[in-house]
Amino acid sequence: MANHKSALKRIRANETKRLRNRYQHKTTRTMVRKLRDTKDQIVASELYKTVSSMLDRLAKKNVIHKNKASNLKSKLAKHVNRLAVATA
């Protein structure tokens, strides 16, 4: 166990951050799945903006790697664009 006051504070702070990161990561994954299941192009394009922002935020905070965020955004953009072609 930690012997210093600052080390105890670090443990508390790290646990708080871990839980927050876990919640945000899980929420983002759920939104990504929701976007992939969407068949309506208008809804998908609105949802894409939200998901893209969430992925950028996770990458900025180093919860996920920036390249992973970019790859996900790219695949989701392709999905949304395919929906636009399918409805046209």
N, C-alpha and C. Protein backbone atom coordinates (compact mmCIF):
# COMPACT_ATOMS: atom_id res chain seq x y z
N MET A 1 0.84 -1.19 0.00
CA MET A 1 0.00 0.00 0.00
C MET A 1 0.88 1.24 0.00
N ALA A 2 0.33 2.33 -0.47
CA ALA A 2 1.07 3.59 -0.58
C ALA A 2 1.41 4.15 0.80
N ASN A 3 2.57 4.77 0.89
CA ASN A 3 3.03 5.32 2.16
C ASN A 3 2.90 6.83 2.23
N HIS A 4 2.77 7.49 1.08
CA HIS A 4 2.73 8.94 1.06
C HIS A 4 1.34 9.46 0.75
N LYS A 5 1.08 10.64 1.26
CA LYS A 5 -0.23 11.25 1.06
C LYS A 5 -0.50 11.50 -0.42
N SER A 6 0.53 11.94 -1.14
CA SER A 6 0.38 12.22 -2.57
C SER A 6 0.13 10.94 -3.36
N ALA A 7 0.73 9.84 -2.92
CA ALA A 7 0.53 8.56 -3.61
C ALA A 7 -0.90 8.08 -3.41
N LEU A 8 -1.46 8.30 -2.23
CA LEU A 8 -2.85 7.93 -1.98
C LEU A 8 -3.79 8.77 -2.86
N LYS A 9 -3.45 10.04 -3.00
CA LYS A 9 -4.27 10.92 -3.84
C LYS A 9 -4.19 10.47 -5.30
N ARG A 10 -3.00 10.09 -5.75
CA ARG A 10 -2.81 9.59 -7.12
C ARG A 10 -3.70 8.36 -7.36
N ILE A 11 -3.73 7.46 -6.39
CA ILE A 11 -4.55 6.24 -6.52
C ILE A 11 -6.02 6.61 -6.68
N ARG A 12 -6.48 7.55 -5.86
CA ARG A 12 -7.89 7.98 -5.96
C ARG A 12 -8.16 8.64 -7.32
N ALA A 13 -7.26 9.52 -7.74
CA ALA A 13 -7.45 10.24 -9.00
C ALA A 13 -7.43 9.28 -10.19
N ASN A 14 -6.50 8.32 -10.16
CA ASN A 14 -6.39 7.35 -11.25
C ASN A 14 -7.65 6.49 -11.36
N GLU A 15 -8.21 6.12 -10.25
CA GLU A 15 -9.44 5.31 -10.25
C GLU A 15 -10.60 6.11 -10.84
N THR A 16 -10.70 7.38 -10.48
CA THR A 16 -11.75 8.24 -11.02
C THR A 16 -11.61 8.37 -12.53
N LYS A 17 -10.38 8.62 -13.00
CA LYS A 17 -10.12 8.77 -14.43
C LYS A 17 -10.39 7.47 -15.17
N ARG A 18 -10.01 6.34 -14.56
CA ARG A 18 -10.22 5.04 -15.19
C ARG A 18 -11.71 4.79 -15.42
N LEU A 19 -12.51 5.08 -14.41
CA LEU A 19 -13.96 4.88 -14.54
C LEU A 19 -14.56 5.80 -15.59
N ARG A 20 -14.12 7.06 -15.61
CA ARG A 20 -14.63 8.00 -16.60
C ARG A 20 -14.25 7.57 -18.01
N ASN A 21 -12.99 7.17 -18.21
CA ASN A 21 -12.54 6.71 -19.53
C ASN A 21 -13.32 5.48 -19.97
N ARG A 22 -13.55 4.57 -19.04
CA ARG A 22 -14.28 3.33 -19.35
C ARG A 22 -15.71 3.64 -19.78
N TYR A 23 -16.35 4.55 -19.07
CA TYR A 23 -17.73 4.95 -19.39
C TYR A 23 -17.79 5.59 -20.77
N GLN A 24 -16.87 6.54 -21.05
CA GLN A 24 -16.88 7.24 -22.33
C GLN A 24 -16.56 6.29 -23.49
N HIS A 25 -15.63 5.36 -23.27
CA HIS A 25 -15.25 4.40 -24.30
C HIS A 25 -16.43 3.49 -24.62
N LYS A 26 -17.08 3.01 -23.59
CA LYS A 26 -18.23 2.12 -23.78
C LYS A 26 -19.37 2.84 -24.48
N THR A 27 -19.64 4.08 -24.10
CA THR A 27 -20.69 4.87 -24.73
C THR A 27 -20.40 5.07 -26.21
N THR A 28 -19.14 5.36 -26.53
CA THR A 28 -18.74 5.56 -27.92
C THR A 28 -18.90 4.28 -28.73
N ARG A 29 -18.49 3.14 -28.17
CA ARG A 29 -18.65 1.86 -28.87
C ARG A 29 -20.11 1.57 -29.15
N THR A 30 -20.98 1.88 -28.20
CA THR A 30 -22.41 1.67 -28.38
C THR A 30 -22.94 2.54 -29.52
N MET A 31 -22.50 3.78 -29.57
CA MET A 31 -22.93 4.69 -30.63
C MET A 31 -22.42 4.23 -32.00
N VAL A 32 -21.21 3.68 -32.04
CA VAL A 32 -20.66 3.16 -33.30
C VAL A 32 -21.52 2.01 -33.79
N ARG A 33 -21.89 1.11 -32.89
CA ARG A 33 -22.76 -0.02 -33.27
C ARG A 33 -24.11 0.48 -33.76
N LYS A 34 -24.65 1.48 -33.09
CA LYS A 34 -25.93 2.05 -33.48
C LYS A 34 -25.84 2.65 -34.89
N LEU A 35 -24.74 3.33 -35.18
CA LEU A 35 -24.54 3.92 -36.50
C LEU A 35 -24.43 2.83 -37.57
N ARG A 36 -23.71 1.76 -37.26
CA ARG A 36 -23.57 0.67 -38.23
C ARG A 36 -24.89 -0.02 -38.53
N ASP A 37 -25.78 -0.05 -37.55
CA ASP A 37 -27.08 -0.69 -37.74
C ASP A 37 -28.09 0.21 -38.45
N THR A 38 -27.79 1.49 -38.56
CA THR A 38 -28.73 2.45 -39.15
C THR A 38 -28.83 2.23 -40.65
N LYS A 39 -30.06 2.24 -41.16
CA LYS A 39 -30.29 2.08 -42.59
C LYS A 39 -30.70 3.40 -43.26
N ASP A 40 -31.13 4.37 -42.47
CA ASP A 40 -31.58 5.65 -43.00
C ASP A 40 -30.39 6.60 -43.13
N GLN A 41 -30.21 7.16 -44.32
CA GLN A 41 -29.04 7.98 -44.60
C GLN A 41 -29.04 9.29 -43.82
N ILE A 42 -30.19 9.91 -43.66
CA ILE A 42 -30.27 11.20 -42.96
C ILE A 42 -29.91 11.02 -41.49
N VAL A 43 -30.49 10.00 -40.88
CA VAL A 43 -30.19 9.71 -39.46
C VAL A 43 -28.71 9.35 -39.31
N ALA A 44 -28.21 8.55 -40.24
CA ALA A 44 -26.81 8.11 -40.17
C ALA A 44 -25.84 9.28 -40.27
N SER A 45 -26.13 10.25 -41.14
CA SER A 45 -25.22 11.38 -41.29
C SER A 45 -25.20 12.25 -40.03
N GLU A 46 -26.35 12.40 -39.38
CA GLU A 46 -26.41 13.16 -38.12
C GLU A 46 -25.66 12.41 -37.01
N LEU A 47 -25.87 11.10 -36.97
CA LEU A 47 -25.22 10.27 -35.96
C LEU A 47 -23.71 10.24 -36.18
N TYR A 48 -23.30 10.28 -37.45
CA TYR A 48 -21.87 10.25 -37.78
C TYR A 48 -21.15 11.45 -37.18
N LYS A 49 -21.78 12.61 -37.22
CA LYS A 49 -21.16 13.82 -36.65
C LYS A 49 -20.89 13.63 -35.16
N THR A 50 -21.89 13.08 -34.47
CA THR A 50 -21.75 12.85 -33.02
C THR A 50 -20.65 11.84 -32.73
N VAL A 51 -20.69 10.72 -33.45
CA VAL A 51 -19.72 9.64 -33.21
C VAL A 51 -18.31 10.11 -33.55
N SER A 52 -18.17 10.85 -34.62
CA SER A 52 -16.87 11.36 -35.03
C SER A 52 -16.28 12.25 -33.93
N SER A 53 -17.13 13.10 -33.37
CA SER A 53 -16.68 13.98 -32.29
C SER A 53 -16.26 13.17 -31.07
N MET A 54 -17.04 12.14 -30.74
CA MET A 54 -16.72 11.30 -29.58
C MET A 54 -15.39 10.59 -29.78
N LEU A 55 -15.16 10.07 -30.99
CA LEU A 55 -13.90 9.38 -31.28
C LEU A 55 -12.72 10.33 -31.18
N ASP A 56 -12.89 11.54 -31.70
CA ASP A 56 -11.81 12.53 -31.61
C ASP A 56 -11.48 12.86 -30.16
N ARG A 57 -12.52 12.96 -29.34
CA ARG A 57 -12.32 13.28 -27.93
C ARG A 57 -11.56 12.15 -27.22
N LEU A 58 -11.92 10.90 -27.53
CA LEU A 58 -11.22 9.77 -26.92
C LEU A 58 -9.76 9.73 -27.36
N ALA A 59 -9.52 10.01 -28.63
CA ALA A 59 -8.14 10.01 -29.13
C ALA A 59 -7.32 11.13 -28.49
N LYS A 60 -7.96 12.28 -28.31
CA LYS A 60 -7.26 13.42 -27.70
C LYS A 60 -6.83 13.10 -26.26
N LYS A 61 -7.67 12.36 -25.56
CA LYS A 61 -7.38 12.01 -24.17
C LYS A 61 -6.58 10.72 -24.03
N ASN A 62 -6.14 10.16 -25.17
CA ASN A 62 -5.35 8.93 -25.20
C ASN A 62 -6.08 7.72 -24.61
N VAL A 63 -7.41 7.73 -24.70
CA VAL A 63 -8.17 6.55 -24.29
C VAL A 63 -8.06 5.51 -25.39
N ILE A 64 -8.11 5.97 -26.64
CA ILE A 64 -7.82 5.11 -27.80
C ILE A 64 -6.74 5.79 -28.62
N HIS A 65 -6.06 5.01 -29.45
CA HIS A 65 -5.00 5.55 -30.28
C HIS A 65 -5.59 6.42 -31.38
N LYS A 66 -4.87 7.46 -31.77
CA LYS A 66 -5.39 8.39 -32.78
C LYS A 66 -5.61 7.70 -34.13
N ASN A 67 -4.78 6.72 -34.45
CA ASN A 67 -4.96 6.00 -35.72
C ASN A 67 -6.21 5.13 -35.68
N LYS A 68 -6.50 4.56 -34.53
CA LYS A 68 -7.72 3.76 -34.39
C LYS A 68 -8.95 4.64 -34.59
N ALA A 69 -8.91 5.83 -34.02
CA ALA A 69 -10.02 6.76 -34.20
C ALA A 69 -10.18 7.13 -35.67
N SER A 70 -9.07 7.37 -36.35
CA SER A 70 -9.11 7.72 -37.76
C SER A 70 -9.65 6.57 -38.60
N ASN A 71 -9.21 5.35 -38.31
CA ASN A 71 -9.69 4.19 -39.05
C ASN A 71 -11.19 3.99 -38.86
N LEU A 72 -11.65 4.12 -37.63
CA LEU A 72 -13.08 3.98 -37.36
C LEU A 72 -13.89 5.05 -38.09
N LYS A 73 -13.42 6.28 -38.02
CA LYS A 73 -14.12 7.38 -38.69
C LYS A 73 -14.18 7.14 -40.20
N SER A 74 -13.10 6.65 -40.75
CA SER A 74 -13.05 6.38 -42.19
C SER A 74 -14.06 5.30 -42.58
N LYS A 75 -14.09 4.22 -41.83
CA LYS A 75 -15.01 3.12 -42.12
C LYS A 75 -16.46 3.56 -41.96
N LEU A 76 -16.72 4.36 -40.94
CA LEU A 76 -18.09 4.84 -40.72
C LEU A 76 -18.52 5.82 -41.80
N ALA A 77 -17.58 6.65 -42.27
CA ALA A 77 -17.89 7.59 -43.35
C ALA A 77 -18.23 6.82 -44.63
N LYS A 78 -17.48 5.75 -44.90
CA LYS A 78 -17.78 4.90 -46.05
C LYS A 78 -19.19 4.33 -45.94
N HIS A 79 -19.52 3.87 -44.73
CA HIS A 79 -20.86 3.29 -44.48
C HIS A 79 -21.95 4.32 -44.76
N VAL A 80 -21.77 5.53 -44.26
CA VAL A 80 -22.77 6.59 -44.45
C VAL A 80 -22.90 6.94 -45.94
N ASN A 81 -21.76 7.00 -46.63
CA ASN A 81 -21.77 7.32 -48.06
C ASN A 81 -22.44 6.22 -48.88
N ARG A 82 -22.25 4.96 -48.48
CA ARG A 82 -22.91 3.85 -49.16
C ARG A 82 -24.43 3.94 -49.01
N LEU A 83 -24.86 4.38 -47.83
CA LEU A 83 -26.29 4.55 -47.61
C LEU A 83 -26.85 5.64 -48.54
N ALA A 84 -26.07 6.69 -48.77
CA ALA A 84 -26.51 7.78 -49.64
C ALA A 84 -26.67 7.27 -51.08
N VAL A 85 -25.76 6.42 -51.51
CA VAL A 85 -25.81 5.86 -52.87
C VAL A 85 -26.99 4.90 -52.99
N ALA A 86 -27.23 4.11 -51.95
CA ALA A 86 -28.29 3.11 -51.97
C ALA A 86 -29.68 3.76 -52.04
N THR A 87 -29.84 4.91 -51.39
CA THR A 87 -31.15 5.57 -51.37
C THR A 87 -31.38 6.40 -52.63
N ALA A 88 -30.31 6.76 -53.33
CA ALA A 88 -30.44 7.62 -54.52
C ALA A 88 -30.97 6.86 -55.73
